Amino acid sequence: PFKSKVRAAADRGETELTVIRFPVALCTDRGRAINNSEPDWPDTLTGRPRQAFEIWRDHLRPAGFRLSAMIIEWPGGLPGDVGFFLKWSDPKQ
């Protein structure tokens, strides 16, 4: 199903897909490193987010995909959820 989601997004001309959303509680620093774009932010991941990052690192990055992470929800002004965004180049450009 994941490959088909990426393919469908690419067929629509998109170059980015949200692949996972998770609470900052799954980061050892509650999202601080992600929010500050620190280069070692992957080291703060635990559980499924860590597994998702490792799949990208080991399989998708070598195929030319990029991954970004950012805080996407701010309940009460505090970091709430993190989103991982898989990105690729538009072959038509």
Protein backbone atom coordinates (compact mmCIF):
# COMPACT_ATOMS: atom_id res chain seq x y z
CA PRO A 1 0.00 0.00 0.00
CA PHE A 2 2.84 2.47 0.73
CA LYS A 3 4.31 2.20 -2.77
CA SER A 4 0.89 2.71 -4.29
CA LYS A 5 0.33 5.85 -2.17
CA VAL A 6 3.63 7.31 -3.34
CA ARG A 7 2.91 6.36 -6.95
CA ALA A 8 -0.60 7.87 -6.78
CA ALA A 9 0.76 11.11 -5.32
CA ALA A 10 3.43 11.29 -8.02
CA ASP A 11 0.82 10.61 -10.72
CA ARG A 12 -1.13 13.62 -9.39
CA GLY A 13 2.02 15.73 -9.85
CA GLU A 14 2.77 15.92 -6.13
CA THR A 15 6.34 15.76 -4.87
CA GLU A 16 5.63 15.23 -1.16
CA LEU A 17 3.60 12.86 0.99
CA THR A 18 2.96 12.80 4.73
CA VAL A 19 4.05 9.32 5.73
CA ILE A 20 3.60 9.29 9.49
CA ARG A 21 2.22 11.50 12.24
CA PHE A 22 3.06 10.85 15.87
CA PRO A 23 3.05 12.56 19.28
CA VAL A 24 6.19 14.32 20.50
CA ALA A 25 6.13 11.92 23.45
CA LEU A 26 7.79 9.43 21.08
CA CYS A 27 10.85 11.70 20.96
CA THR A 28 13.24 11.53 23.90
CA ASP A 29 13.38 15.35 23.97
CA ARG A 30 9.64 15.90 23.27
CA GLY A 31 10.39 17.29 19.80
CA ARG A 32 12.96 19.95 20.70
CA ALA A 33 15.61 18.78 18.20
CA ILE A 34 13.06 18.49 15.39
CA ASN A 35 11.63 21.92 16.16
CA ASN A 36 15.12 23.44 16.09
CA SER A 37 16.19 21.54 12.93
CA GLU A 38 19.15 20.04 14.75
CA PRO A 39 21.15 17.62 12.60
CA ASP A 40 20.96 14.85 15.20
CA TRP A 41 17.14 14.91 15.53
CA PRO A 42 16.85 11.28 14.35
CA ASP A 43 18.72 10.20 17.50
CA THR A 44 15.74 11.36 19.59
CA LEU A 45 13.24 9.02 17.90
CA THR A 46 11.80 5.93 19.55
CA GLY A 47 9.38 3.18 18.54
CA ARG A 48 7.58 3.34 15.19
CA PRO A 49 8.97 6.76 14.25
CA ARG A 50 12.48 5.33 14.69
CA GLN A 51 11.55 2.35 12.50
CA ALA A 52 10.09 4.66 9.83
CA PHE A 53 13.27 6.75 9.83
CA GLU A 54 15.43 3.63 9.48
CA ILE A 55 13.35 2.39 6.52
CA TRP A 56 13.88 5.75 4.83
CA ARG A 57 17.61 5.80 5.68
CA ASP A 58 18.26 2.24 4.53
CA HIS A 59 15.94 1.90 1.54
CA LEU A 60 14.37 5.15 0.36
CA ARG A 61 17.25 7.62 0.69
CA PRO A 62 19.45 5.50 -1.62
CA ALA A 63 16.59 5.66 -4.15
CA GLY A 64 16.67 9.48 -4.09
CA PHE A 65 13.87 10.20 -1.63
CA ARG A 66 14.28 12.91 1.00
CA LEU A 67 12.70 13.02 4.44
CA SER A 68 11.82 16.01 6.55
CA ALA A 69 10.29 16.20 10.00
CA MET A 70 8.46 19.08 11.61
CA ILE A 71 6.11 19.84 14.45
CA ILE A 72 2.67 20.03 12.83
CA GLU A 73 0.42 20.61 15.82
CA TRP A 74 0.80 23.07 18.68
CA PRO A 75 -1.91 22.48 21.33
CA GLY A 76 -1.80 25.24 23.90
CA GLY A 77 1.34 26.61 22.24
CA LEU A 78 3.35 23.47 23.03
CA PRO A 79 4.66 20.90 20.54
CA GLY A 80 2.02 18.22 19.98
CA ASP A 81 2.45 16.05 16.89
CA VAL A 82 5.34 15.51 14.52
CA GLY A 83 4.93 14.81 10.82
CA PHE A 84 7.36 13.01 8.55
CA PHE A 85 7.23 14.13 4.94
CA LEU A 86 8.68 12.01 2.15
CA LYS A 87 9.83 14.14 -0.80
CA TRP A 88 10.98 13.40 -4.32
CA SER A 89 11.84 15.27 -7.49
CA ASP A 90 9.27 15.81 -10.21
CA PRO A 91 10.62 13.87 -13.21
CA LYS A 92 8.91 16.33 -15.57
CA GLN A 93 11.15 19.19 -14.41
